[in-house]
Amino acid sequence: MLAAILGGVTAERVLVYLSRFGEGYARGIARHFGIAPSPVQKQLAKFEEAGILASVEKGRTLVYLWNPRYPFLAELQALLVKAYDYLTPEEKERYTLRTRPRRRGKPA
């Protein structure tokens, strides 16, 4: 939906992912979407260079999160939330993190 504005599908996925979860790291985001880590790393670096994201080291992992000093942060996040609202239920499922299996008998 925002791929044309943001420069590509990977850029859209990275920003919507961060909008949903607040932070993330390249390999985790790539694994979540089943894509190679390299394009995700490039997008994260590009957004950090632009001042949209900031990175912090947690152990040996570089974790990316929103840069609170970015002047258009509130507007960008509002756009991403609105874009998420317009996704189909199948697309929204992509942005759901499941850390454990569902309880038996629980409705989907």
PDB file of N, CA and C in Angstrom:
ATOM      1  N   MET A   1       0.811  -1.188   0.000  1.00  0.00           N
ATOM      2  CA  MET A   1       0.000   0.000   0.000  1.00  0.00           C
ATOM      3  C   MET A   1       0.864   1.265   0.000  1.00  0.00           C
ATOM      4  N   LEU A   2       1.896   1.310   0.833  1.00  0.00           N
ATOM      5  CA  LEU A   2       2.791   2.470   0.897  1.00  0.00           C
ATOM      6  C   LEU A   2       4.106   2.244   0.162  1.00  0.00           C
ATOM      7  N   ALA A   3       4.235   1.104  -0.494  1.00  0.00           N
ATOM      8  CA  ALA A   3       5.503   0.753  -1.143  1.00  0.00           C
ATOM      9  C   ALA A   3       5.946   1.813  -2.143  1.00  0.00           C
ATOM     10  N   ALA A   4       5.022   2.369  -2.905  1.00  0.00           N
ATOM     11  CA  ALA A   4       5.380   3.379  -3.905  1.00  0.00           C
ATOM     12  C   ALA A   4       5.907   4.651  -3.246  1.00  0.00           C
ATOM     13  N   ILE A   5       5.348   5.003  -2.114  1.00  0.00           N
ATOM     14  CA  ILE A   5       5.780   6.215  -1.406  1.00  0.00           C
ATOM     15  C   ILE A   5       7.103   5.987  -0.684  1.00  0.00           C
ATOM     16  N   LEU A   6       7.251   4.827  -0.079  1.00  0.00           N
ATOM     17  CA  LEU A   6       8.426   4.543   0.748  1.00  0.00           C
ATOM     18  C   LEU A   6       9.606   3.985  -0.035  1.00  0.00           C
ATOM     19  N   GLY A   7       9.397   3.619  -1.284  1.00  0.00           N
ATOM     20  CA  GLY A   7      10.502   3.160  -2.098  1.00  0.00           C
ATOM     21  C   GLY A   7      10.576   1.664  -2.298  1.00  0.00           C
ATOM     22  N   GLY A   8       9.656   0.907  -1.749  1.00  0.00           N
ATOM     23  CA  GLY A   8       9.667  -0.526  -1.977  1.00  0.00           C
ATOM     24  C   GLY A   8       8.905  -1.288  -0.911  1.00  0.00           C
ATOM     25  N   VAL A   9       8.638  -2.543  -1.214  1.00  0.00           N
ATOM     26  CA  VAL A   9       7.876  -3.400  -0.314  1.00  0.00           C
ATOM     27  C   VAL A   9       8.651  -3.646   0.977  1.00  0.00           C
ATOM     28  N   THR A  10       9.959  -3.836   0.877  1.00  0.00           N
ATOM     29  CA  THR A  10      10.757  -4.097   2.077  1.00  0.00           C
ATOM     30  C   THR A  10      10.712  -2.903   3.015  1.00  0.00           C
ATOM     31  N   ALA A  11      10.813  -1.709   2.472  1.00  0.00           N
ATOM     32  CA  ALA A  11      10.751  -0.494   3.298  1.00  0.00           C
ATOM     33  C   ALA A  11       9.406  -0.419   4.014  1.00  0.00           C
ATOM     34  N   GLU A  12       8.343  -0.714   3.287  1.00  0.00           N
ATOM     35  CA  GLU A  12       7.004  -0.697   3.890  1.00  0.00           C
ATOM     36  C   GLU A  12       6.903  -1.729   5.005  1.00  0.00           C
ATOM     37  N   ARG A  13       7.360  -2.926   4.751  1.00  0.00           N
ATOM     38  CA  ARG A  13       7.282  -3.987   5.760  1.00  0.00           C
ATOM     39  C   ARG A  13       8.074  -3.618   7.012  1.00  0.00           C
ATOM     40  N   VAL A  14       9.274  -3.075   6.823  1.00  0.00           N
ATOM     41  CA  VAL A  14      10.118  -2.707   7.957  1.00  0.00           C
ATOM     42  C   VAL A  14       9.428  -1.650   8.815  1.00  0.00           C
ATOM     43  N   LEU A  15       8.904  -0.608   8.188  1.00  0.00           N
ATOM     44  CA  LEU A  15       8.295   0.476   8.961  1.00  0.00           C
ATOM     45  C   LEU A  15       6.979   0.062   9.619  1.00  0.00           C
ATOM     46  N   VAL A  16       6.164  -0.722   8.926  1.00  0.00           N
ATOM     47  CA  VAL A  16       4.922  -1.177   9.543  1.00  0.00           C
ATOM     48  C   VAL A  16       5.236  -2.144  10.687  1.00  0.00           C
ATOM     49  N   TYR A  17       6.234  -2.991  10.508  1.00  0.00           N
ATOM     50  CA  TYR A  17       6.668  -3.890  11.580  1.00  0.00           C
ATOM     51  C   TYR A  17       7.076  -3.082  12.808  1.00  0.00           C
ATOM     52  N   LEU A  18       7.908  -2.064  12.612  1.00  0.00           N
ATOM     53  CA  LEU A  18       8.343  -1.241  13.739  1.00  0.00           C
ATOM     54  C   LEU A  18       7.184  -0.457  14.334  1.00  0.00           C
ATOM     55  N   SER A  19       6.239  -0.067  13.510  1.00  0.00           N
ATOM     56  CA  SER A  19       5.051   0.616  14.002  1.00  0.00           C
ATOM     57  C   SER A  19       4.251  -0.301  14.924  1.00  0.00           C
ATOM     58  N   ARG A  20       4.160  -1.568  14.569  1.00  0.00           N
ATOM     59  CA  ARG A  20       3.387  -2.535  15.367  1.00  0.00           C
ATOM     60  C   ARG A  20       4.108  -2.965  16.641  1.00  0.00           C
ATOM     61  N   PHE A  21       5.443  -3.151  16.551  1.00  0.00           N
ATOM     62  CA  PHE A  21       6.169  -3.748  17.664  1.00  0.00           C
ATOM     63  C   PHE A  21       7.127  -2.799  18.381  1.00  0.00           C
ATOM     64  N   GLY A  22       7.354  -1.604  17.844  1.00  0.00           N
ATOM     65  CA  GLY A  22       8.181  -0.611  18.528  1.00  0.00           C
ATOM     66  C   GLY A  22       9.666  -0.733  18.285  1.00  0.00           C
ATOM     67  N   GLU A  23      10.152  -1.937  18.107  1.00  0.00           N
ATOM     68  CA  GLU A  23      11.580  -2.146  17.847  1.00  0.00           C
ATOM     69  C   GLU A  23      11.762  -3.468  17.121  1.00  0.00           C
ATOM     70  N   GLY A  24      12.949  -3.646  16.560  1.00  0.00           N
ATOM     71  CA  GLY A  24      13.242  -4.890  15.873  1.00  0.00           C
ATOM     72  C   GLY A  24      14.680  -4.921  15.401  1.00  0.00           C
ATOM     73  N   TYR A  25      15.131  -6.087  15.018  1.00  0.00           N
ATOM     74  CA  TYR A  25      16.478  -6.247  14.485  1.00  0.00           C
ATOM     75  C   TYR A  25      16.377  -6.929  13.131  1.00  0.00           C
ATOM     76  N   ALA A  26      17.382  -6.708  12.299  1.00  0.00           N
ATOM     77  CA  ALA A  26      17.324  -7.099  10.890  1.00  0.00           C
ATOM     78  C   ALA A  26      16.982  -8.573  10.698  1.00  0.00           C
ATOM     79  N   ARG A  27      17.698  -9.453  11.352  1.00  0.00           N
ATOM     80  CA  ARG A  27      17.477 -10.880  11.149  1.00  0.00           C
ATOM     81  C   ARG A  27      16.087 -11.308  11.619  1.00  0.00           C
ATOM     82  N   GLY A  28      15.622 -10.734  12.718  1.00  0.00           N
ATOM     83  CA  GLY A  28      14.295 -11.066  13.230  1.00  0.00           C
ATOM     84  C   GLY A  28      13.188 -10.604  12.296  1.00  0.00           C
ATOM     85  N   ILE A  29      13.330  -9.394  11.757  1.00  0.00           N
ATOM     86  CA  ILE A  29      12.333  -8.875  10.819  1.00  0.00           C
ATOM     87  C   ILE A  29      12.339  -9.724   9.545  1.00  0.00           C
ATOM     88  N   ALA A  30      13.535 -10.027   9.047  1.00  0.00           N
ATOM     89  CA  ALA A  30      13.651 -10.839   7.831  1.00  0.00           C
ATOM     90  C   ALA A  30      13.035 -12.218   8.040  1.00  0.00           C
ATOM     91  N   ARG A  31      13.311 -12.826   9.171  1.00  0.00           N
ATOM     92  CA  ARG A  31      12.764 -14.157   9.471  1.00  0.00           C
ATOM     93  C   ARG A  31      11.235 -14.087   9.577  1.00  0.00           C
ATOM     94  N   HIS A  32      10.740 -13.023  10.169  1.00  0.00           N
ATOM     95  CA  HIS A  32       9.298 -12.850  10.337  1.00  0.00           C
ATOM     96  C   HIS A  32       8.568 -12.857   8.990  1.00  0.00           C
ATOM     97  N   PHE A  33       9.179 -12.226   7.978  1.00  0.00           N
ATOM     98  CA  PHE A  33       8.553 -12.141   6.660  1.00  0.00           C
ATOM     99  C   PHE A  33       9.062 -13.197   5.682  1.00  0.00           C
ATOM    100  N   GLY A  34      10.026 -14.002   6.103  1.00  0.00           N
ATOM    101  CA  GLY A  34      10.548 -15.037   5.228  1.00  0.00           C
ATOM    102  C   GLY A  34      11.348 -14.489   4.061  1.00  0.00           C
ATOM    103  N   ILE A  35      12.093 -13.423   4.308  1.00  0.00           N
ATOM    104  CA  ILE A  35      12.929 -12.816   3.262  1.00  0.00           C
ATOM    105  C   ILE A  35      14.378 -12.797   3.724  1.00  0.00           C
ATOM    106  N   ALA A  36      15.282 -12.473   2.808  1.00  0.00           N
ATOM    107  CA  ALA A  36      16.707 -12.418   3.128  1.00  0.00           C
ATOM    108  C   ALA A  36      17.002 -11.230   4.055  1.00  0.00           C
ATOM    109  N   PRO A  37      17.960 -11.366   4.955  1.00  0.00           N
ATOM    110  CA  PRO A  37      18.291 -10.278   5.881  1.00  0.00           C
ATOM    111  C   PRO A  37      18.927  -9.056   5.205  1.00  0.00           C
ATOM    112  N   SER A  38      19.633  -9.252   4.109  1.00  0.00           N
ATOM    113  CA  SER A  38      20.361  -8.158   3.467  1.00  0.00           C
ATOM    114  C   SER A  38      19.480  -6.966   3.079  1.00  0.00           C
ATOM    115  N   PRO A  39      18.353  -7.162   2.384  1.00  0.00           N
ATOM    116  CA  PRO A  39      17.514  -6.005   2.052  1.00  0.00           C
ATOM    117  C   PRO A  39      16.947  -5.310   3.290  1.00  0.00           C
ATOM    118  N   VAL A  40      16.655  -6.091   4.322  1.00  0.00           N
ATOM    119  CA  VAL A  40      16.136  -5.508   5.562  1.00  0.00           C
ATOM    120  C   VAL A  40      17.221  -4.661   6.223  1.00  0.00           C
ATOM    121  N   GLN A  41      18.449  -5.179   6.261  1.00  0.00           N
ATOM    122  CA  GLN A  41      19.564  -4.417   6.836  1.00  0.00           C
ATOM    123  C   GLN A  41      19.778  -3.114   6.079  1.00  0.00           C
ATOM    124  N   LYS A  42      19.693  -3.172   4.753  1.00  0.00           N
ATOM    125  CA  LYS A  42      19.868  -1.965   3.944  1.00  0.00           C
ATOM    126  C   LYS A  42      18.789  -0.931   4.246  1.00  0.00           C
ATOM    127  N   GLN A  43      17.549  -1.369   4.377  1.00  0.00           N
ATOM    128  CA  GLN A  43      16.463  -0.441   4.689  1.00  0.00           C
ATOM    129  C   GLN A  43      16.629   0.162   6.075  1.00  0.00           C
ATOM    130  N   LEU A  44      16.981  -0.662   7.045  1.00  0.00           N
ATOM    131  CA  LEU A  44      17.184  -0.154   8.400  1.00  0.00           C
ATOM    132  C   LEU A  44      18.312   0.878   8.427  1.00  0.00           C
ATOM    133  N   ALA A  45      19.405   0.598   7.725  1.00  0.00           N
ATOM    134  CA  ALA A  45      20.528   1.541   7.661  1.00  0.00           C
ATOM    135  C   ALA A  45      20.108   2.836   6.973  1.00  0.00           C
ATOM    136  N   LYS A  46      19.322   2.718   5.914  1.00  0.00           N
ATOM    137  CA  LYS A  46      18.842   3.895   5.191  1.00  0.00           C
ATOM    138  C   LYS A  46      17.966   4.764   6.089  1.00  0.00           C
ATOM    139  N   PHE A  47      17.066   4.139   6.827  1.00  0.00           N
ATOM    140  CA  PHE A  47      16.186   4.892   7.719  1.00  0.00           C
ATOM    141  C   PHE A  47      16.955   5.494   8.898  1.00  0.00           C
ATOM    142  N   GLU A  48      17.990   4.795   9.345  1.00  0.00           N
ATOM    143  CA  GLU A  48      18.812   5.361  10.420  1.00  0.00           C
ATOM    144  C   GLU A  48      19.600   6.566   9.906  1.00  0.00           C
ATOM    145  N   GLU A  49      20.143   6.457   8.713  1.00  0.00           N
ATOM    146  CA  GLU A  49      20.887   7.560   8.113  1.00  0.00           C
ATOM    147  C   GLU A  49      19.986   8.779   7.902  1.00  0.00           C
ATOM    148  N   ALA A  50      18.716   8.547   7.591  1.00  0.00           N
ATOM    149  CA  ALA A  50      17.759   9.637   7.383  1.00  0.00           C
ATOM    150  C   ALA A  50      17.276  10.232   8.710  1.00  0.00           C
ATOM    151  N   GLY A  51      17.603   9.574   9.824  1.00  0.00           N
ATOM    152  CA  GLY A  51      17.204  10.095  11.125  1.00  0.00           C
ATOM    153  C   GLY A  51      15.858   9.593  11.611  1.00  0.00           C
ATOM    154  N   ILE A  52      15.238   8.704  10.867  1.00  0.00           N
ATOM    155  CA  ILE A  52      13.929   8.177  11.246  1.00  0.00           C
ATOM    156  C   ILE A  52      14.065   7.155  12.372  1.00  0.00           C
ATOM    157  N   LEU A  53      15.100   6.338  12.292  1.00  0.00           N
ATOM    158  CA  LEU A  53      15.353   5.298  13.286  1.00  0.00           C
ATOM    159  C   LEU A  53      16.663   5.558  14.012  1.00  0.00           C
ATOM    160  N   ALA A  54      16.781   4.958  15.169  1.00  0.00           N
ATOM    161  CA  ALA A  54      18.040   4.955  15.918  1.00  0.00           C
ATOM    162  C   ALA A  54      18.336   3.499  16.258  1.00  0.00           C
ATOM    163  N   SER A  55      19.600   3.199  16.462  1.00  0.00           N
ATOM    164  CA  SER A  55      19.954   1.821  16.809  1.00  0.00           C
ATOM    165  C   SER A  55      20.684   1.792  18.143  1.00  0.00           C
ATOM    166  N   VAL A  56      20.483   0.713  18.857  1.00  0.00           N
ATOM    167  CA  VAL A  56      21.178   0.470  20.119  1.00  0.00           C
ATOM    168  C   VAL A  56      21.670  -0.968  20.111  1.00  0.00           C
ATOM    169  N   GLU A  57      22.797  -1.185  20.731  1.00  0.00           N
ATOM    170  CA  GLU A  57      23.322  -2.546  20.827  1.00  0.00           C
ATOM    171  C   GLU A  57      22.765  -3.212  22.067  1.00  0.00           C
ATOM    172  N   LYS A  58      22.203  -4.382  21.871  1.00  0.00           N
ATOM    173  CA  LYS A  58      21.750  -5.223  22.975  1.00  0.00           C
ATOM    174  C   LYS A  58      22.517  -6.525  22.838  1.00  0.00           C
ATOM    175  N   GLY A  59      23.564  -6.639  23.623  1.00  0.00           N
ATOM    176  CA  GLY A  59      24.473  -7.766  23.456  1.00  0.00           C
ATOM    177  C   GLY A  59      25.224  -7.587  22.153  1.00  0.00           C
ATOM    178  N   ARG A  60      25.126  -8.575  21.275  1.00  0.00           N
ATOM    179  CA  ARG A  60      25.774  -8.470  19.963  1.00  0.00           C
ATOM    180  C   ARG A  60      24.785  -8.115  18.864  1.00  0.00           C
ATOM    181  N   THR A  61      23.574  -7.776  19.252  1.00  0.00           N
ATOM    182  CA  THR A  61      22.523  -7.486  18.281  1.00  0.00           C
ATOM    183  C   THR A  61      22.267  -5.984  18.200  1.00  0.00           C
ATOM    184  N   LEU A  62      22.129  -5.483  16.987  1.00  0.00           N
ATOM    185  CA  LEU A  62      21.799  -4.087  16.757  1.00  0.00           C
ATOM    186  C   LEU A  62      20.282  -3.976  16.629  1.00  0.00           C
ATOM    187  N   VAL A  63      19.655  -3.347  17.610  1.00  0.00           N
ATOM    188  CA  VAL A  63      18.202  -3.215  17.647  1.00  0.00           C
ATOM    189  C   VAL A  63      17.826  -1.809  17.192  1.00  0.00           C
ATOM    190  N   TYR A  64      16.846  -1.733  16.303  1.00  0.00           N
ATOM    191  CA  TYR A  64      16.399  -0.452  15.755  1.00  0.00           C
ATOM    192  C   TYR A  64      15.075  -0.068  16.391  1.00  0.00           C
ATOM    193  N   LEU A  65      14.948   1.222  16.681  1.00  0.00           N
ATOM    194  CA  LEU A  65      13.714   1.767  17.227  1.00  0.00           C
ATOM    195  C   LEU A  65      13.519   3.173  16.689  1.00  0.00           C
ATOM    196  N   TRP A  66      12.364   3.747  16.944  1.00  0.00           N
ATOM    197  CA  TRP A  66      12.059   5.083  16.431  1.00  0.00           C
ATOM    198  C   TRP A  66      12.959   6.126  17.076  1.00  0.00           C
ATOM    199  N   ASN A  67      13.410   7.071  16.277  1.00  0.00           N
ATOM    200  CA  ASN A  67      14.207   8.180  16.773  1.00  0.00           C
ATOM    201  C   ASN A  67      13.240   9.264  17.263  1.00  0.00           C
ATOM    202  N   PRO A  68      13.163   9.511  18.564  1.00  0.00           N
ATOM    203  CA  PRO A  68      12.198  10.491  19.077  1.00  0.00           C
ATOM    204  C   PRO A  68      12.481  11.920  18.609  1.00  0.00           C
ATOM    205  N   ARG A  69      13.663  12.174  18.076  1.00  0.00           N
ATOM    206  CA  ARG A  69      14.017  13.510  17.597  1.00  0.00           C
ATOM    207  C   ARG A  69      13.634  13.747  16.139  1.00  0.00           C
ATOM    208  N   TYR A  70      13.140  12.745  15.478  1.00  0.00           N
ATOM    209  CA  TYR A  70      12.744  12.905  14.081  1.00  0.00           C
ATOM    210  C   TYR A  70      11.539  13.849  14.023  1.00  0.00           C
ATOM    211  N   PRO A  71      11.623  14.960  13.260  1.00  0.00           N
ATOM    212  CA  PRO A  71      10.580  15.985  13.316  1.00  0.00           C
ATOM    213  C   PRO A  71       9.199  15.543  12.823  1.00  0.00           C
ATOM    214  N   PHE A  72       9.124  14.529  11.972  1.00  0.00           N
ATOM    215  CA  PHE A  72       7.838  14.085  11.432  1.00  0.00           C
ATOM    216  C   PHE A  72       7.432  12.717  11.982  1.00  0.00           C
ATOM    217  N   LEU A  73       7.944  12.365  13.136  1.00  0.00           N
ATOM    218  CA  LEU A  73       7.697  11.039  13.693  1.00  0.00           C
ATOM    219  C   LEU A  73       6.211  10.783  13.933  1.00  0.00           C
ATOM    220  N   ALA A  74       5.530  11.707  14.564  1.00  0.00           N
ATOM    221  CA  ALA A  74       4.105  11.510  14.864  1.00  0.00           C
ATOM    222  C   ALA A  74       3.298  11.333  13.576  1.00  0.00           C
ATOM    223  N   GLU A  75       3.595  12.135  12.580  1.00  0.00           N
ATOM    224  CA  GLU A  75       2.873  12.045  11.310  1.00  0.00           C
ATOM    225  C   GLU A  75       3.159  10.730  10.591  1.00  0.00           C
ATOM    226  N   LEU A  76       4.432  10.307  10.605  1.00  0.00           N
ATOM    227  CA  LEU A  76       4.808   9.045   9.965  1.00  0.00           C
ATOM    228  C   LEU A  76       4.134   7.877  10.664  1.00  0.00           C
ATOM    229  N   GLN A  77       4.163   7.880  11.986  1.00  0.00           N
ATOM    230  CA  GLN A  77       3.533   6.787  12.716  1.00  0.00           C
ATOM    231  C   GLN A  77       2.019   6.757  12.498  1.00  0.00           C
ATOM    232  N   ALA A  78       1.392   7.928  12.416  1.00  0.00           N
ATOM    233  CA  ALA A  78      -0.046   7.979  12.144  1.00  0.00           C
ATOM    234  C   ALA A  78      -0.347   7.407  10.760  1.00  0.00           C
ATOM    235  N   LEU A  79       0.488   7.726   9.782  1.00  0.00           N
ATOM    236  CA  LEU A  79       0.325   7.190   8.431  1.00  0.00           C
ATOM    237  C   LEU A  79       0.448   5.667   8.430  1.00  0.00           C
ATOM    238  N   LEU A  80       1.420   5.150   9.160  1.00  0.00           N
ATOM    239  CA  LEU A  80       1.635   3.707   9.215  1.00  0.00           C
ATOM    240  C   LEU A  80       0.479   2.999   9.920  1.00  0.00           C
ATOM    241  N   VAL A  81      -0.054   3.605  10.974  1.00  0.00           N
ATOM    242  CA  VAL A  81      -1.211   3.025  11.670  1.00  0.00           C
ATOM    243  C   VAL A  81      -2.414   2.992  10.737  1.00  0.00           C
ATOM    244  N   LYS A  82      -2.613   4.073  10.002  1.00  0.00           N
ATOM    245  CA  LYS A  82      -3.740   4.128   9.062  1.00  0.00           C
ATOM    246  C   LYS A  82      -3.559   3.093   7.951  1.00  0.00           C
ATOM    247  N   ALA A  83      -2.328   2.948   7.458  1.00  0.00           N
ATOM    248  CA  ALA A  83      -2.057   1.953   6.419  1.00  0.00           C
ATOM    249  C   ALA A  83      -2.339   0.547   6.951  1.00  0.00           C
ATOM    250  N   TYR A  84      -1.964   0.275   8.191  1.00  0.00           N
ATOM    251  CA  TYR A  84      -2.219  -1.034   8.801  1.00  0.00           C
ATOM    252  C   TYR A  84      -3.724  -1.296   8.880  1.00  0.00           C
ATOM    253  N   ASP A  85      -4.493  -0.271   9.237  1.00  0.00           N
ATOM    254  CA  ASP A  85      -5.944  -0.426   9.347  1.00  0.00           C
ATOM    255  C   ASP A  85      -6.592  -0.826   8.024  1.00  0.00           C
ATOM    256  N   TYR A  86      -5.974  -0.459   6.903  1.00  0.00           N
ATOM    257  CA  TYR A  86      -6.533  -0.766   5.591  1.00  0.00           C
ATOM    258  C   TYR A  86      -6.052  -2.099   5.020  1.00  0.00           C
ATOM    259  N   LEU A  87      -5.195  -2.800   5.730  1.00  0.00           N
ATOM    260  CA  LEU A  87      -4.737  -4.102   5.259  1.00  0.00           C
ATOM    261  C   LEU A  87      -5.857  -5.131   5.379  1.00  0.00           C
ATOM    262  N   THR A  88      -5.799  -6.145   4.537  1.00  0.00           N
ATOM    263  CA  THR A  88      -6.755  -7.242   4.638  1.00  0.00           C
ATOM    264  C   THR A  88      -6.426  -8.063   5.882  1.00  0.00           C
ATOM    265  N   PRO A  89      -7.378  -8.838   6.380  1.00  0.00           N
ATOM    266  CA  PRO A  89      -7.086  -9.679   7.548  1.00  0.00           C
ATOM    267  C   PRO A  89      -5.892 -10.618   7.326  1.00  0.00           C
ATOM    268  N   GLU A  90      -5.735 -11.113   6.094  1.00  0.00           N
ATOM    269  CA  GLU A  90      -4.599 -11.994   5.798  1.00  0.00           C
ATOM    270  C   GLU A  90      -3.280 -11.235   5.909  1.00  0.00           C
ATOM    271  N   GLU A  91      -3.261  -9.982   5.407  1.00  0.00           N
ATOM    272  CA  GLU A  91      -2.050  -9.172   5.500  1.00  0.00           C
ATOM    273  C   GLU A  91      -1.767  -8.775   6.947  1.00  0.00           C
ATOM    274  N   LYS A  92      -2.812  -8.498   7.709  1.00  0.00           N
ATOM    275  CA  LYS A  92      -2.631  -8.148   9.124  1.00  0.00           C
ATOM    276  C   LYS A  92      -2.020  -9.312   9.903  1.00  0.00           C
ATOM    277  N   GLU A  93      -2.365 -10.526   9.487  1.00  0.00           N
ATOM    278  CA  GLU A  93      -1.827 -11.715  10.155  1.00  0.00           C
ATOM    279  C   GLU A  93      -0.301 -11.745  10.084  1.00  0.00           C
ATOM    280  N   ARG A  94       0.265 -11.180   9.016  1.00  0.00           N
ATOM    281  CA  ARG A  94       1.721 -11.124   8.873  1.00  0.00           C
ATOM    282  C   ARG A  94       2.379 -10.315   9.990  1.00  0.00           C
ATOM    283  N   TYR A  95       1.643  -9.350  10.520  1.00  0.00           N
ATOM    284  CA  TYR A  95       2.196  -8.455  11.537  1.00  0.00           C
ATOM    285  C   TYR A  95       1.813  -8.878  12.942  1.00  0.00           C
ATOM    286  N   THR A  96       1.506 -10.156  13.109  1.00  0.00           N
ATOM    287  CA  THR A  96       1.181 -10.697  14.418  1.00  0.00           C
ATOM    288  C   THR A  96       2.332 -11.576  14.878  1.00  0.00           C
ATOM    289  N   LEU A  97       2.799 -11.320  16.072  1.00  0.00           N
ATOM    290  CA  LEU A  97       3.867 -12.150  16.632  1.00  0.00           C
ATOM    291  C   LEU A  97       3.252 -13.209  17.524  1.00  0.00           C
ATOM    292  N   ARG A  98       3.575 -14.446  17.252  1.00  0.00           N
ATOM    293  CA  ARG A  98       3.128 -15.533  18.114  1.00  0.00           C
ATOM    294  C   ARG A  98       4.358 -16.149  18.741  1.00  0.00           C
ATOM    295  N   THR A  99       4.414 -16.114  20.044  1.00  0.00           N
ATOM    296  CA  THR A  99       5.579 -16.666  20.727  1.00  0.00           C
ATOM    297  C   THR A  99       5.347 -18.088  21.214  1.00  0.00           C
ATOM    298  N   ARG A 100       4.096 -18.512  21.230  1.00  0.00           N
ATOM    299  CA  ARG A 100       3.799 -19.882  21.638  1.00  0.00           C
ATOM    300  C   ARG A 100       2.563 -20.353  20.903  1.00  0.00           C
ATOM    301  N   PRO A 101       2.327 -21.639  20.846  1.00  0.00           N
ATOM    302  CA  PRO A 101       1.152 -22.144  20.126  1.00  0.00           C
ATOM    303  C   PRO A 101      -0.151 -21.712  20.811  1.00  0.00           C
ATOM    304  N   ARG A 102      -1.193 -21.670  20.024  1.00  0.00           N
ATOM    305  CA  ARG A 102      -2.511 -21.349  20.588  1.00  0.00           C
ATOM    306  C   ARG A 102      -3.000 -22.467  21.501  1.00  0.00           C
ATOM    307  N   ARG A 103      -3.761 -22.064  22.509  1.00  0.00           N
ATOM    308  CA  ARG A 103      -4.380 -23.025  23.411  1.00  0.00           C
ATOM    309  C   ARG A 103      -5.399 -23.844  22.616  1.00  0.00           C
ATOM    310  N   ARG A 104      -5.500 -25.111  22.905  1.00  0.00           N
ATOM    311  CA  ARG A 104      -6.445 -25.980  22.216  1.00  0.00           C
ATOM    312  C   ARG A 104      -7.862 -25.487  22.425  1.00  0.00           C
ATOM    313  N   GLY A 105      -8.612 -25.471  21.319  1.00  0.00           N
ATOM    314  CA  GLY A 105     -10.009 -25.067  21.404  1.00  0.00           C
ATOM    315  C   GLY A 105     -10.246 -23.562  21.361  1.00  0.00           C
ATOM    316  N   LYS A 106      -9.164 -22.781  21.360  1.00  0.00           N
ATOM    317  CA  LYS A 106      -9.322 -21.318  21.321  1.00  0.00           C
ATOM    318  C   LYS A 106      -9.668 -20.908  19.892  1.00  0.00           C
ATOM    319  N   PRO A 107     -10.698 -20.059  19.723  1.00  0.00           N
ATOM    320  CA  PRO A 107     -11.071 -19.639  18.359  1.00  0.00           C
ATOM    321  C   PRO A 107      -9.972 -18.807  17.721  1.00  0.00           C
ATOM    322  N   ALA A 108      -9.862 -18.916  16.412  1.00  0.00           N
ATOM    323  CA  ALA A 108      -8.847 -18.155  15.659  1.00  0.00           C
ATOM    324  C   ALA A 108      -9.253 -16.726  15.666  1.00  0.00           C
TER     325      ALA A 108
END
